[in-house]
């Protein structure tokens, strides 16, 4: 409280003395700003931001704020899956803009591959939802992820689906959906419906060199082959 002074005059008898005390005003401030992707410059929503036990999340435009902060220095931590964690220090009444570096894979990575439809009719068209990580793809190379049914002859997109990253593709994580026909090759460009049954979904990842003869791209590296994704497709 602020110090209070009051002039009084002493008189005979009992007299009540009231004094009003005023609390000391505590200065408050604001820390706010925007969070963007260090590679693309785009806003990053849903970033978790912690400050002195307080938690905030960035909005769709990447903005955040902490209000009514006592004036002192704070440690501010920014974190989100797929990005490096960033720590900054700031005092209130500061606009603290931060760029988050994406975590970039140095080799291929399969995050997940799963059928959009776990049960599908023989001869129909299915889709495999996936998320993969890739390094930078150099000139004259192509990195292919293959998602195929165990025991079924694969001829993309018959009996399998593939995702192809060609030269110039930049390191990062990508997700999407790849088409797969529930058919297989019986002979040279002759196809039949896949028999009914339950099939494991396998994954293969290989690097191809495109700098040789036309229509011939040799495999230069197999990262993994016929790996179980943990998913199954039932053909009916």
C-alpha atoms as a PDB file:
ATOM      1  CA  UNK A   1       0.000   0.000   0.000  1.00  0.00           C
ATOM      2  CA  UNK A   2       0.995   3.612  -0.460  1.00  0.00           C
ATOM      3  CA  UNK A   3       2.157   5.450   2.649  1.00  0.00           C
ATOM      4  CA  UNK A   4      -0.654   7.581   4.092  1.00  0.00           C
ATOM      5  CA  UNK A   5      -0.310  10.708   6.233  1.00  0.00           C
ATOM      6  CA  UNK A   6      -3.033  12.481   8.181  1.00  0.00           C
ATOM      7  CA  UNK A   7      -2.967  15.563  10.377  1.00  0.00           C
ATOM      8  CA  UNK A   8      -4.863  15.073  13.627  1.00  0.00           C
ATOM      9  CA  UNK A   9      -5.810  17.190  16.595  1.00  0.00           C
ATOM     10  CA  UNK A  10      -5.980  15.551  20.008  1.00  0.00           C
ATOM     11  CA  UNK A  11      -9.115  16.352  21.995  1.00  0.00           C
ATOM     12  CA  UNK A  12     -10.486  14.995  25.210  1.00  0.00           C
ATOM     13  CA  UNK A  13     -12.648  11.871  24.982  1.00  0.00           C
ATOM     14  CA  UNK A  14     -12.880   8.789  22.767  1.00  0.00           C
ATOM     15  CA  UNK A  15     -12.820   9.577  19.054  1.00  0.00           C
ATOM     16  CA  UNK A  16     -12.616   7.116  16.123  1.00  0.00           C
ATOM     17  CA  UNK A  17      -9.759   7.695  13.708  1.00  0.00           C
ATOM     18  CA  UNK A  18     -10.292   6.281  10.187  1.00  0.00           C
ATOM     19  CA  UNK A  19      -7.535   6.238   7.591  1.00  0.00           C
ATOM     20  CA  UNK A  20      -8.010   5.175   3.957  1.00  0.00           C
ATOM     21  CA  UNK A  21      -5.092   3.221   2.433  1.00  0.00           C
ATOM     22  CA  UNK A  22      -4.512   3.006  -1.331  1.00  0.00           C
ATOM     23  CA  UNK A  23      -2.887  -0.104  -2.839  1.00  0.00           C
ATOM     24  CA  UNK A  24       0.263   0.477  -4.826  1.00  0.00           C
ATOM     25  CA  UNK A  25      -0.563   0.220  -8.530  1.00  0.00           C
ATOM     26  CA  UNK A  26       1.326  -2.702 -10.123  1.00  0.00           C
ATOM     27  CA  UNK A  27       2.309  -2.041 -13.719  1.00  0.00           C
ATOM     28  CA  UNK A  28       1.094  -4.713 -16.154  1.00  0.00           C
ATOM     29  CA  UNK A  29       2.059  -5.446 -19.716  1.00  0.00           C
ATOM     30  CA  UNK A  30       1.449  -7.569 -22.814  1.00  0.00           C
ATOM     31  CA  UNK A  31       3.586 -10.015 -24.789  1.00  0.00           C
ATOM     32  CA  UNK A  32       2.188 -10.876 -28.192  1.00  0.00           C
ATOM     33  CA  UNK A  33       3.214 -11.711 -31.729  1.00  0.00           C
ATOM     34  CA  UNK A  34       2.991 -14.066 -34.695  1.00  0.00           C
ATOM     35  CA  UNK A  35       4.463 -17.512 -35.380  1.00  0.00           C
ATOM     36  CA  UNK A  36       5.440 -18.447 -38.938  1.00  0.00           C
ATOM     37  CA  UNK A  37       7.096 -21.356 -40.744  1.00  0.00           C
ATOM     38  CA  UNK A  38      10.787 -20.578 -41.291  1.00  0.00           C
ATOM     39  CA  UNK A  39      10.774 -22.197 -44.746  1.00  0.00           C
ATOM     40  CA  UNK A  40       7.480 -21.029 -46.233  1.00  0.00           C
ATOM     41  CA  UNK A  41       6.825 -17.866 -44.224  1.00  0.00           C
ATOM     42  CA  UNK A  42       3.234 -18.992 -43.705  1.00  0.00           C
ATOM     43  CA  UNK A  43       1.380 -18.673 -40.396  1.00  0.00           C
ATOM     44  CA  UNK A  44       1.521 -21.713 -38.116  1.00  0.00           C
ATOM     45  CA  UNK A  45      -1.714 -22.287 -36.145  1.00  0.00           C
ATOM     46  CA  UNK A  46      -2.080 -24.402 -32.985  1.00  0.00           C
ATOM     47  CA  UNK A  47       1.448 -23.786 -31.735  1.00  0.00           C
ATOM     48  CA  UNK A  48       1.628 -24.449 -27.979  1.00  0.00           C
ATOM     49  CA  UNK A  49       3.196 -21.498 -26.152  1.00  0.00           C
ATOM     50  CA  UNK A  50       4.122 -21.627 -22.477  1.00  0.00           C
ATOM     51  CA  UNK A  51       5.070 -18.706 -20.251  1.00  0.00           C
ATOM     52  CA  UNK A  52       5.490 -18.924 -16.479  1.00  0.00           C
ATOM     53  CA  UNK A  53       2.904 -21.718 -16.181  1.00  0.00           C
ATOM     54  CA  UNK A  54       0.473 -20.066 -18.603  1.00  0.00           C
ATOM     55  CA  UNK A  55      -0.417 -21.821 -21.873  1.00  0.00           C
ATOM     56  CA  UNK A  56      -1.690 -20.287 -25.098  1.00  0.00           C
ATOM     57  CA  UNK A  57      -2.155 -21.587 -28.674  1.00  0.00           C
ATOM     58  CA  UNK A  58      -1.714 -19.622 -31.873  1.00  0.00           C
ATOM     59  CA  UNK A  59      -4.838 -18.833 -33.867  1.00  0.00           C
ATOM     60  CA  UNK A  60      -5.320 -19.567 -37.578  1.00  0.00           C
ATOM     61  CA  UNK A  61      -3.256 -16.502 -38.521  1.00  0.00           C
ATOM     62  CA  UNK A  62      -0.433 -17.533 -36.178  1.00  0.00           C
ATOM     63  CA  UNK A  63      -1.186 -14.827 -33.592  1.00  0.00           C
ATOM     64  CA  UNK A  64      -0.931 -15.241 -29.816  1.00  0.00           C
ATOM     65  CA  UNK A  65      -0.922 -12.998 -26.738  1.00  0.00           C
ATOM     66  CA  UNK A  66      -0.358 -13.014 -22.977  1.00  0.00           C
ATOM     67  CA  UNK A  67      -2.092 -10.158 -21.124  1.00  0.00           C
ATOM     68  CA  UNK A  68      -1.747  -8.586 -17.662  1.00  0.00           C
ATOM     69  CA  UNK A  69       1.835  -9.670 -17.068  1.00  0.00           C
ATOM     70  CA  UNK A  70       3.942  -8.157 -14.310  1.00  0.00           C
ATOM     71  CA  UNK A  71       6.882  -6.216 -15.691  1.00  0.00           C
ATOM     72  CA  UNK A  72       9.872  -8.580 -15.668  1.00  0.00           C
ATOM     73  CA  UNK A  73      11.651 -10.929 -18.035  1.00  0.00           C
ATOM     74  CA  UNK A  74       9.889 -14.152 -19.081  1.00  0.00           C
ATOM     75  CA  UNK A  75      10.970 -17.338 -20.829  1.00  0.00           C
ATOM     76  CA  UNK A  76       8.585 -18.135 -23.700  1.00  0.00           C
ATOM     77  CA  UNK A  77       8.615 -21.632 -25.252  1.00  0.00           C
ATOM     78  CA  UNK A  78       7.040 -22.405 -28.649  1.00  0.00           C
ATOM     79  CA  UNK A  79       6.381 -26.036 -29.618  1.00  0.00           C
ATOM     80  CA  UNK A  80       4.398 -28.019 -32.180  1.00  0.00           C
ATOM     81  CA  UNK A  81       4.661 -31.526 -33.616  1.00  0.00           C
ATOM     82  CA  UNK A  82       6.725 -31.503 -36.790  1.00  0.00           C
ATOM     83  CA  UNK A  83       8.709 -28.407 -35.746  1.00  0.00           C
ATOM     84  CA  UNK A  84      11.767 -27.749 -33.627  1.00  0.00           C
ATOM     85  CA  UNK A  85      11.015 -26.270 -30.199  1.00  0.00           C
ATOM     86  CA  UNK A  86      12.059 -22.617 -29.914  1.00  0.00           C
ATOM     87  CA  UNK A  87      12.760 -20.703 -26.678  1.00  0.00           C
ATOM     88  CA  UNK A  88      12.846 -16.911 -26.449  1.00  0.00           C
ATOM     89  CA  UNK A  89      13.073 -14.322 -23.654  1.00  0.00           C
ATOM     90  CA  UNK A  90      10.967 -11.180 -23.521  1.00  0.00           C
ATOM     91  CA  UNK A  91       9.545  -8.504 -21.228  1.00  0.00           C
ATOM     92  CA  UNK A  92       5.958  -7.188 -21.416  1.00  0.00           C
ATOM     93  CA  UNK A  93       4.950  -4.583 -23.975  1.00  0.00           C
ATOM     94  CA  UNK A  94       6.986  -6.514 -26.537  1.00  0.00           C
ATOM     95  CA  UNK A  95       5.904  -7.874 -29.914  1.00  0.00           C
ATOM     96  CA  UNK A  96       7.690 -11.213 -30.055  1.00  0.00           C
ATOM     97  CA  UNK A  97       7.512 -12.727 -33.547  1.00  0.00           C
ATOM     98  CA  UNK A  98       8.967 -16.215 -33.942  1.00  0.00           C
ATOM     99  CA  UNK A  99       9.800 -18.471 -36.877  1.00  0.00           C
ATOM    100  CA  UNK A 100       9.616 -22.233 -36.304  1.00  0.00           C
ATOM    101  CA  UNK A 101      11.997 -24.475 -38.289  1.00  0.00           C
ATOM    102  CA  UNK A 102      10.257 -27.620 -39.573  1.00  0.00           C
ATOM    103  CA  UNK A 103      11.885 -30.904 -38.589  1.00  0.00           C
ATOM    104  CA  UNK A 104      13.287 -32.160 -41.882  1.00  0.00           C
ATOM    105  CA  UNK A 105      13.939 -35.894 -42.416  1.00  0.00           C
ATOM    106  CA  UNK A 106      17.387 -36.908 -43.657  1.00  0.00           C
ATOM    107  CA  UNK A 107      16.120 -40.231 -45.023  1.00  0.00           C
ATOM    108  CA  UNK A 108      12.716 -41.618 -46.091  1.00  0.00           C
ATOM    109  CA  UNK A 109      10.230 -42.262 -43.325  1.00  0.00           C
ATOM    110  CA  UNK A 110       6.791 -43.872 -43.282  1.00  0.00           C
ATOM    111  CA  UNK A 111       4.589 -42.190 -40.682  1.00  0.00           C
ATOM    112  CA  UNK A 112       1.468 -44.121 -41.627  1.00  0.00           C
ATOM    113  CA  UNK A 113      -0.287 -45.859 -44.524  1.00  0.00           C
ATOM    114  CA  UNK A 114      -3.869 -46.988 -44.067  1.00  0.00           C
ATOM    115  CA  UNK A 115      -6.776 -47.876 -46.359  1.00  0.00           C
ATOM    116  CA  UNK A 116      -9.552 -45.322 -46.701  1.00  0.00           C
ATOM    117  CA  UNK A 117     -11.910 -48.329 -46.843  1.00  0.00           C
ATOM    118  CA  UNK A 118     -10.995 -51.371 -44.731  1.00  0.00           C
ATOM    119  CA  UNK A 119     -13.599 -53.483 -46.573  1.00  0.00           C
ATOM    120  CA  UNK A 120     -13.886 -53.082 -50.336  1.00  0.00           C
ATOM    121  CA  UNK A 121     -15.447 -54.931 -53.247  1.00  0.00           C
ATOM    122  CA  UNK A 122     -13.273 -56.979 -55.578  1.00  0.00           C
ATOM    123  CA  UNK A 123     -12.642 -55.011 -58.770  1.00  0.00           C
ATOM    124  CA  UNK A 124     -13.443 -51.667 -57.132  1.00  0.00           C
ATOM    125  CA  UNK A 125     -11.164 -48.652 -56.709  1.00  0.00           C
ATOM    126  CA  UNK A 126      -9.629 -48.077 -53.283  1.00  0.00           C
ATOM    127  CA  UNK A 127      -7.446 -45.416 -51.749  1.00  0.00           C
ATOM    128  CA  UNK A 128      -4.503 -45.517 -49.376  1.00  0.00           C
ATOM    129  CA  UNK A 129      -4.128 -42.545 -47.048  1.00  0.00           C
ATOM    130  CA  UNK A 130      -0.496 -41.884 -46.192  1.00  0.00           C
ATOM    131  CA  UNK A 131       1.982 -39.588 -44.502  1.00  0.00           C
ATOM    132  CA  UNK A 132       5.657 -39.914 -45.391  1.00  0.00           C
ATOM    133  CA  UNK A 133       8.866 -38.020 -44.822  1.00  0.00           C
ATOM    134  CA  UNK A 134      11.484 -37.489 -47.514  1.00  0.00           C
ATOM    135  CA  UNK A 135      14.932 -35.891 -47.845  1.00  0.00           C
ATOM    136  CA  UNK A 136      15.729 -33.537 -50.730  1.00  0.00           C
ATOM    137  CA  UNK A 137      15.499 -35.472 -54.003  1.00  0.00           C
ATOM    138  CA  UNK A 138      18.519 -34.723 -56.244  1.00  0.00           C
ATOM    139  CA  UNK A 139      18.600 -34.369 -60.008  1.00  0.00           C
ATOM    140  CA  UNK A 140      17.971 -37.545 -62.039  1.00  0.00           C
ATOM    141  CA  UNK A 141      16.485 -39.443 -59.092  1.00  0.00           C
ATOM    142  CA  UNK A 142      13.012 -40.497 -58.029  1.00  0.00           C
ATOM    143  CA  UNK A 143      11.914 -41.786 -54.620  1.00  0.00           C
ATOM    144  CA  UNK A 144       8.914 -44.128 -54.673  1.00  0.00           C
ATOM    145  CA  UNK A 145       6.769 -45.365 -51.805  1.00  0.00           C
ATOM    146  CA  UNK A 146       4.776 -48.465 -52.740  1.00  0.00           C
ATOM    147  CA  UNK A 147       1.760 -49.722 -50.794  1.00  0.00           C
ATOM    148  CA  UNK A 148       0.764 -53.216 -51.909  1.00  0.00           C
ATOM    149  CA  UNK A 149      -1.293 -56.224 -50.864  1.00  0.00           C
ATOM    150  CA  UNK A 150       0.593 -59.255 -49.615  1.00  0.00           C
ATOM    151  CA  UNK A 151       0.601 -62.125 -52.110  1.00  0.00           C
ATOM    152  CA  UNK A 152      -0.890 -60.024 -54.925  1.00  0.00           C
ATOM    153  CA  UNK A 153       1.092 -59.242 -58.052  1.00  0.00           C
ATOM    154  CA  UNK A 154       1.618 -55.489 -58.157  1.00  0.00           C
ATOM    155  CA  UNK A 155       1.409 -53.343 -61.273  1.00  0.00           C
ATOM    156  CA  UNK A 156       0.643 -49.805 -60.172  1.00  0.00           C
ATOM    157  CA  UNK A 157      -2.160 -48.988 -59.592  1.00  0.00           C
ATOM    158  CA  UNK A 158      -3.378 -52.614 -59.966  1.00  0.00           C
ATOM    159  CA  UNK A 159      -3.027 -54.354 -56.611  1.00  0.00           C
ATOM    160  CA  UNK A 160      -0.951 -51.526 -55.192  1.00  0.00           C
ATOM    161  CA  UNK A 161      -0.677 -47.754 -54.851  1.00  0.00           C
ATOM    162  CA  UNK A 162       2.422 -45.631 -55.166  1.00  0.00           C
ATOM    163  CA  UNK A 163       3.639 -42.144 -54.287  1.00  0.00           C
ATOM    164  CA  UNK A 164       6.438 -40.763 -56.455  1.00  0.00           C
ATOM    165  CA  UNK A 165       8.729 -37.883 -55.422  1.00  0.00           C
ATOM    166  CA  UNK A 166      10.832 -36.715 -58.350  1.00  0.00           C
ATOM    167  CA  UNK A 167      13.980 -34.605 -58.587  1.00  0.00           C
ATOM    168  CA  UNK A 168      13.532 -31.217 -56.964  1.00  0.00           C
ATOM    169  CA  UNK A 169      11.126 -32.382 -54.263  1.00  0.00           C
ATOM    170  CA  UNK A 170      12.197 -30.743 -51.011  1.00  0.00           C
ATOM    171  CA  UNK A 171      12.721 -32.405 -47.653  1.00  0.00           C
ATOM    172  CA  UNK A 172       9.674 -32.514 -45.417  1.00  0.00           C
ATOM    173  CA  UNK A 173       6.586 -34.463 -44.486  1.00  0.00           C
ATOM    174  CA  UNK A 174       3.818 -35.045 -47.012  1.00  0.00           C
ATOM    175  CA  UNK A 175       0.375 -36.572 -46.673  1.00  0.00           C
ATOM    176  CA  UNK A 176      -2.298 -37.465 -49.167  1.00  0.00           C
ATOM    177  CA  UNK A 177      -4.224 -40.307 -50.767  1.00  0.00           C
ATOM    178  CA  UNK A 178      -3.070 -42.718 -53.487  1.00  0.00           C
ATOM    179  CA  UNK A 179      -5.337 -44.782 -55.760  1.00  0.00           C
ATOM    180  CA  UNK A 180      -5.273 -48.583 -55.877  1.00  0.00           C
ATOM    181  CA  UNK A 181      -7.410 -50.840 -58.109  1.00  0.00           C
ATOM    182  CA  UNK A 182      -8.599 -54.032 -56.421  1.00  0.00           C
ATOM    183  CA  UNK A 183      -7.371 -55.981 -59.444  1.00  0.00           C
ATOM    184  CA  UNK A 184      -4.121 -57.697 -60.421  1.00  0.00           C
ATOM    185  CA  UNK A 185      -2.215 -58.570 -63.586  1.00  0.00           C
ATOM    186  CA  UNK A 186      -2.711 -62.189 -64.685  1.00  0.00           C
ATOM    187  CA  UNK A 187      -0.704 -61.916 -67.901  1.00  0.00           C
ATOM    188  CA  UNK A 188       0.857 -59.233 -70.073  1.00  0.00           C
ATOM    189  CA  UNK A 189      -1.553 -56.303 -69.580  1.00  0.00           C
ATOM    190  CA  UNK A 190      -4.405 -58.644 -68.716  1.00  0.00           C
ATOM    191  CA  UNK A 191      -6.120 -58.047 -65.400  1.00  0.00           C
ATOM    192  CA  UNK A 192      -8.591 -59.834 -63.144  1.00  0.00           C
ATOM    193  CA  UNK A 193     -10.375 -58.979 -59.926  1.00  0.00           C
ATOM    194  CA  UNK A 194      -8.494 -59.791 -56.735  1.00  0.00           C
ATOM    195  CA  UNK A 195     -10.025 -62.863 -55.021  1.00  0.00           C
ATOM    196  CA  UNK A 196     -11.996 -62.379 -51.858  1.00  0.00           C
ATOM    197  CA  UNK A 197     -10.043 -62.523 -48.634  1.00  0.00           C
ATOM    198  CA  UNK A 198      -8.149 -60.459 -46.091  1.00  0.00           C
ATOM    199  CA  UNK A 199      -4.770 -59.094 -47.168  1.00  0.00           C
ATOM    200  CA  UNK A 200      -2.014 -57.393 -45.215  1.00  0.00           C
ATOM    201  CA  UNK A 201      -0.985 -53.978 -46.522  1.00  0.00           C
ATOM    202  CA  UNK A 202       2.772 -53.879 -47.086  1.00  0.00           C
ATOM    203  CA  UNK A 203       5.143 -51.022 -47.846  1.00  0.00           C
ATOM    204  CA  UNK A 204       8.288 -50.698 -49.956  1.00  0.00           C
ATOM    205  CA  UNK A 205      10.487 -47.625 -50.449  1.00  0.00           C
ATOM    206  CA  UNK A 206      13.138 -47.430 -53.192  1.00  0.00           C
ATOM    207  CA  UNK A 207      15.283 -44.804 -54.895  1.00  0.00           C
ATOM    208  CA  UNK A 208      15.474 -44.903 -58.719  1.00  0.00           C
ATOM    209  CA  UNK A 209      17.978 -43.331 -61.084  1.00  0.00           C
ATOM    210  CA  UNK A 210      16.353 -41.615 -64.073  1.00  0.00           C
ATOM    211  CA  UNK A 211      19.494 -40.595 -65.928  1.00  0.00           C
ATOM    212  CA  UNK A 212      19.878 -43.746 -68.023  1.00  0.00           C
ATOM    213  CA  UNK A 213      17.944 -45.243 -70.888  1.00  0.00           C
ATOM    214  CA  UNK A 214      14.402 -44.115 -71.591  1.00  0.00           C
ATOM    215  CA  UNK A 215      11.743 -46.312 -69.948  1.00  0.00           C
ATOM    216  CA  UNK A 216      14.406 -47.947 -67.774  1.00  0.00           C
ATOM    217  CA  UNK A 217      15.046 -46.659 -64.252  1.00  0.00           C
ATOM    218  CA  UNK A 218      17.223 -48.946 -62.134  1.00  0.00           C
ATOM    219  CA  UNK A 219      16.833 -49.172 -58.378  1.00  0.00           C
ATOM    220  CA  UNK A 220      19.916 -47.675 -56.743  1.00  0.00           C
ATOM    221  CA  UNK A 221      18.827 -48.101 -53.129  1.00  0.00           C
ATOM    222  CA  UNK A 222      16.121 -50.028 -51.278  1.00  0.00           C
ATOM    223  CA  UNK A 223      15.305 -48.392 -47.943  1.00  0.00           C
ATOM    224  CA  UNK A 224      12.820 -51.094 -46.947  1.00  0.00           C
ATOM    225  CA  UNK A 225      10.870 -53.804 -48.744  1.00  0.00           C
ATOM    226  CA  UNK A 226       7.609 -55.646 -47.974  1.00  0.00           C
ATOM    227  CA  UNK A 227       7.318 -54.108 -44.502  1.00  0.00           C
ATOM    228  CA  UNK A 228       4.022 -54.704 -42.694  1.00  0.00           C
ATOM    229  CA  UNK A 229       2.151 -51.425 -42.157  1.00  0.00           C
ATOM    230  CA  UNK A 230      -0.063 -52.989 -39.506  1.00  0.00           C
ATOM    231  CA  UNK A 231      -3.123 -52.491 -41.727  1.00  0.00           C
ATOM    232  CA  UNK A 232      -5.308 -55.011 -43.572  1.00  0.00           C
ATOM    233  CA  UNK A 233      -7.811 -54.787 -46.413  1.00  0.00           C
ATOM    234  CA  UNK A 234     -10.705 -57.208 -46.682  1.00  0.00           C
ATOM    235  CA  UNK A 235     -11.838 -57.861 -50.262  1.00  0.00           C
ATOM    236  CA  UNK A 236     -15.466 -58.982 -50.618  1.00  0.00           C
END
